[in-house]
Amino acid sequence: MAKRPGGMRGVNPRAMNQMMKQMGIDTKEIENVEQVIIRTPDTDIIFDDASVTKVAAPGMLTYQIVGNPREVPRETPIPDEDVTLVAEQTGKTPDEAMAALKETGGDLAEAIMKLGS
């Protein structure tokens, strides 16, 4: 006998949907989802080809995401003006200035001090 996912052995999915409807809970599969991204200050959690279900209950709306996530560290965008300023102040190349700014999380003063020593 095959086991049903989610530990719901012996529960008929149709009966479960009927019970949920009686409680005012409505579920709807969102079609053709290409990607879901959850952004945190340090990381993007990316679900490619995720299965997403919208669950509406009285006073609450939630989304259920099923898939294989991958975590990607977020990079701080470095404005071109900051790169130019650091390069001019230190006499270094724009590539060296960019590397120092990335290493210091975009902190101008710290990048200048780092390249000046």
Protein backbone atom coordinates (compact mmCIF):
# COMPACT_ATOMS: atom_id res chain seq x y z
CA MET A 1 0.00 0.00 0.00
CA ALA A 2 1.44 3.38 -1.01
CA LYS A 3 1.88 6.03 1.66
CA ARG A 4 0.38 9.44 1.09
CA PRO A 5 2.73 12.42 1.47
CA GLY A 6 2.60 14.59 4.55
CA GLY A 7 1.73 11.85 7.04
CA MET A 8 -1.94 11.85 6.03
CA ARG A 9 -2.24 8.06 5.65
CA GLY A 10 -5.78 6.86 5.19
CA VAL A 11 -7.24 10.32 4.49
CA ASN A 12 -9.02 10.67 1.19
CA PRO A 13 -7.81 13.90 -0.51
CA ARG A 14 -11.32 14.60 -1.81
CA ALA A 15 -12.77 14.23 1.73
CA MET A 16 -10.01 16.47 3.08
CA ASN A 17 -10.84 19.18 0.51
CA GLN A 18 -14.53 18.90 1.40
CA MET A 19 -13.77 19.32 5.14
CA MET A 20 -11.56 22.33 4.40
CA LYS A 21 -14.31 23.96 2.32
CA GLN A 22 -16.79 23.45 5.19
CA MET A 23 -14.35 25.28 7.50
CA GLY A 24 -14.11 28.16 5.02
CA ILE A 25 -10.67 27.21 3.76
CA ASP A 26 -10.18 27.44 0.02
CA THR A 27 -7.05 26.18 -1.78
CA LYS A 28 -6.03 26.96 -5.32
CA GLU A 29 -2.95 25.78 -7.22
CA ILE A 30 -1.17 28.68 -8.94
CA GLU A 31 -0.46 27.59 -12.50
CA ASN A 32 2.77 28.02 -14.50
CA VAL A 33 4.99 29.23 -11.65
CA GLU A 34 8.47 29.78 -13.06
CA GLN A 35 10.34 30.88 -9.94
CA VAL A 36 9.80 31.93 -6.32
CA ILE A 37 12.39 34.08 -4.54
CA ILE A 38 12.47 34.74 -0.81
CA ARG A 39 14.82 37.64 -0.07
CA THR A 40 16.56 38.16 3.25
CA PRO A 41 19.24 40.79 3.91
CA ASP A 42 22.01 38.23 3.36
CA THR A 43 20.54 35.50 1.14
CA ASP A 44 18.10 34.84 -1.69
CA ILE A 45 16.27 31.52 -1.35
CA ILE A 46 15.30 30.55 -4.89
CA PHE A 47 12.77 27.88 -5.89
CA ASP A 48 12.92 27.11 -9.62
CA ASP A 49 9.80 25.41 -11.05
CA ALA A 50 8.08 25.49 -7.66
CA SER A 51 4.60 24.25 -6.94
CA VAL A 52 2.66 27.04 -5.20
CA THR A 53 -0.72 26.69 -3.52
CA LYS A 54 -2.74 29.68 -2.34
CA VAL A 55 -4.63 28.90 0.86
CA ALA A 56 -7.40 31.33 1.87
CA ALA A 57 -8.97 30.94 5.30
CA PRO A 58 -11.22 33.41 7.13
CA GLY A 59 -9.01 36.40 7.96
CA MET A 60 -5.84 34.81 6.57
CA LEU A 61 -4.14 34.25 3.23
CA THR A 62 -1.06 32.03 2.95
CA TYR A 63 1.02 30.53 0.18
CA GLN A 64 2.55 27.05 0.33
CA ILE A 65 5.72 26.53 -1.71
CA VAL A 66 6.97 23.05 -2.58
CA GLY A 67 10.21 22.55 -4.45
CA ASN A 68 13.97 22.31 -4.15
CA PRO A 69 15.40 25.59 -2.89
CA ARG A 70 18.89 26.87 -3.49
CA GLU A 71 20.45 29.60 -1.39
CA VAL A 72 22.42 32.37 -3.06
CA PRO A 73 24.31 34.98 -1.02
CA ARG A 74 23.18 38.52 -1.82
CA GLU A 75 25.74 41.00 -3.02
CA THR A 76 25.60 44.64 -2.04
CA PRO A 77 25.30 46.74 -5.22
CA ILE A 78 28.24 49.14 -5.52
CA PRO A 79 27.47 52.42 -7.33
CA ASP A 80 29.92 53.48 -10.05
CA GLU A 81 30.36 56.84 -8.28
CA ASP A 82 31.68 55.04 -5.18
CA VAL A 83 34.17 53.05 -7.27
CA THR A 84 35.39 56.26 -8.94
CA LEU A 85 35.72 58.08 -5.62
CA VAL A 86 37.73 55.26 -3.99
CA ALA A 87 39.96 54.90 -7.07
CA GLU A 88 40.64 58.67 -7.15
CA GLN A 89 41.30 58.92 -3.41
CA THR A 90 43.71 55.97 -3.34
CA GLY A 91 45.31 56.13 -6.79
CA LYS A 92 44.23 52.52 -7.43
CA THR A 93 42.48 51.09 -10.48
CA PRO A 94 38.67 50.88 -10.63
CA ASP A 95 38.94 47.08 -10.39
CA GLU A 96 40.99 47.34 -7.18
CA ALA A 97 38.53 49.92 -5.80
CA MET A 98 35.57 47.65 -6.64
CA ALA A 99 37.24 44.68 -4.94
CA ALA A 100 37.89 46.73 -1.78
CA LEU A 101 34.30 48.04 -1.74
CA LYS A 102 32.91 44.51 -2.09
CA GLU A 103 35.18 43.27 0.68
CA THR A 104 34.06 46.08 3.01
CA GLY A 105 30.36 45.77 2.17
CA GLY A 106 30.31 49.11 0.34
CA ASP A 107 31.86 51.12 3.20
CA LEU A 108 33.69 53.99 1.45
CA ALA A 109 35.92 55.03 4.34
CA GLU A 110 36.94 51.47 5.15
CA ALA A 111 37.70 50.74 1.47
CA ILE A 112 39.87 53.87 1.20
CA MET A 113 41.73 52.99 4.40
CA LYS A 114 42.21 49.42 3.22
CA LEU A 115 43.71 50.48 -0.11
CA GLY A 116 45.74 53.29 1.45
CA SER A 117 47.74 51.01 3.71
